[in-house]
Protein backbone atom coordinates (compact mmCIF):
# COMPACT_ATOMS: atom_id res chain seq x y z
CA MET A 1 100.06 177.86 -61.52
CA ALA A 2 96.08 179.18 -61.68
CA GLN A 3 95.35 182.65 -60.79
CA GLU A 4 93.37 183.54 -57.76
CA PRO A 5 89.65 184.71 -58.56
CA GLN A 6 90.09 188.54 -57.98
CA GLU A 7 92.73 188.32 -61.01
CA GLN A 8 90.58 185.87 -62.51
CA ALA A 9 87.87 189.03 -62.29
CA ILE A 10 90.32 191.67 -62.46
CA SER A 11 92.00 189.89 -66.28
CA HIS A 12 88.09 189.70 -67.38
CA TYR A 13 87.00 192.64 -66.79
CA THR A 14 89.90 194.51 -68.25
CA GLU A 15 89.25 192.73 -71.80
CA LEU A 16 85.81 193.52 -71.53
CA MET A 17 86.13 197.33 -70.98
CA ARG A 18 88.68 197.30 -73.99
CA ARG A 19 85.93 195.84 -75.55
CA VAL A 20 83.32 198.59 -74.81
CA GLN A 21 85.65 201.01 -75.17
CA VAL A 22 86.43 200.26 -79.09
CA GLY A 23 82.85 199.77 -79.40
CA ALA A 24 82.84 196.41 -79.42
CA TYR A 25 79.80 195.36 -78.39
CA LEU A 26 75.90 195.15 -78.49
CA GLU A 27 74.17 197.97 -77.16
CA LEU A 28 71.14 197.44 -74.48
CA HIS A 29 67.64 196.43 -75.89
CA HIS A 30 64.85 200.09 -75.56
CA ASP A 31 63.82 198.43 -72.36
CA GLY A 32 67.23 197.68 -70.73
CA SER A 33 67.41 194.59 -71.41
CA PHE A 34 70.82 192.72 -72.32
CA PRO A 35 70.20 191.32 -75.76
CA GLU A 36 70.46 187.42 -76.61
CA ASP A 37 73.40 185.64 -76.83
CA ASP A 38 73.95 184.98 -80.61
CA GLY A 39 77.25 182.94 -79.59
CA SER A 40 79.54 186.03 -80.43
CA ALA A 41 81.29 187.97 -77.78
CA GLU A 42 79.95 191.54 -78.77
CA SER A 43 76.04 190.37 -77.73
CA THR A 44 77.70 189.25 -74.22
CA THR A 45 80.13 192.22 -73.20
CA LEU A 46 77.69 194.13 -71.63
CA GLU A 47 75.43 190.93 -69.16
CA SER A 48 79.30 189.91 -68.63
CA LEU A 49 80.04 193.47 -67.13
CA ALA A 50 77.09 193.59 -64.57
CA ASN A 51 77.83 189.87 -63.69
CA LEU A 52 81.62 190.85 -62.97
CA GLU A 53 80.41 194.13 -61.34
CA ASN A 54 77.76 191.95 -59.10
CA TRP A 55 80.36 189.14 -57.95
CA ALA A 56 82.11 191.90 -56.91
CA ALA A 57 79.89 193.76 -54.79
CA ARG A 58 78.90 190.89 -53.02
CA ARG A 59 81.99 190.53 -52.13
CA GLY A 60 82.33 194.40 -50.64
CA LEU A 61 84.28 195.58 -53.90
CA GLU A 62 84.43 197.55 -56.75
CA PHE A 63 86.19 198.10 -59.84
CA GLU A 64 88.44 200.84 -60.35
CA PHE A 65 90.17 202.26 -63.08
CA ASN A 66 94.21 203.43 -62.08
CA VAL A 67 94.62 206.78 -64.68
CA ASP A 68 98.23 206.73 -63.91
CA SER A 69 98.70 203.11 -63.96
CA GLN A 70 95.67 202.50 -67.27
CA THR A 71 94.66 199.63 -65.05
CA TRP A 72 91.54 198.29 -63.81
CA SER A 73 91.91 197.12 -59.86
CA LEU A 74 89.63 195.68 -57.01
CA THR A 75 88.62 198.53 -54.41
CA PRO A 76 86.61 197.81 -51.33
CA ILE A 77 83.49 199.91 -51.90
CA GLU A 78 83.22 203.03 -49.95
CA GLN A 79 80.38 203.53 -47.83
CA GLY A 80 77.42 206.14 -49.15
CA HIS A 81 79.40 205.72 -52.41
CA ASP A 82 77.04 203.51 -54.66
CA ASP A 83 73.60 205.86 -53.47
CA VAL A 84 71.83 207.76 -55.74
CA GLY A 85 72.19 211.74 -55.37
CA GLY A 86 73.91 211.01 -51.68
CA TYR A 87 70.32 209.25 -50.71
CA GLU A 88 69.93 206.63 -48.81
């Protein structure tokens, strides 16, 4: 049985965040751009995370880490949560 899109997104996000936690990724370039895809998982980790976060945001969701269960989930974006400095 195929996973639901949200379950797949959480699964992928979890793996990508694991890579970040262990340092298995390439840093952004100084200009903030993503590293070139050299065929390695490390070269696409940060861009893949950004793509998943954008995918979730378009659906009014965001990834949230639960410290108690040590798991990621998708939750509705709270109003004003993404405002920089609380300003609109």
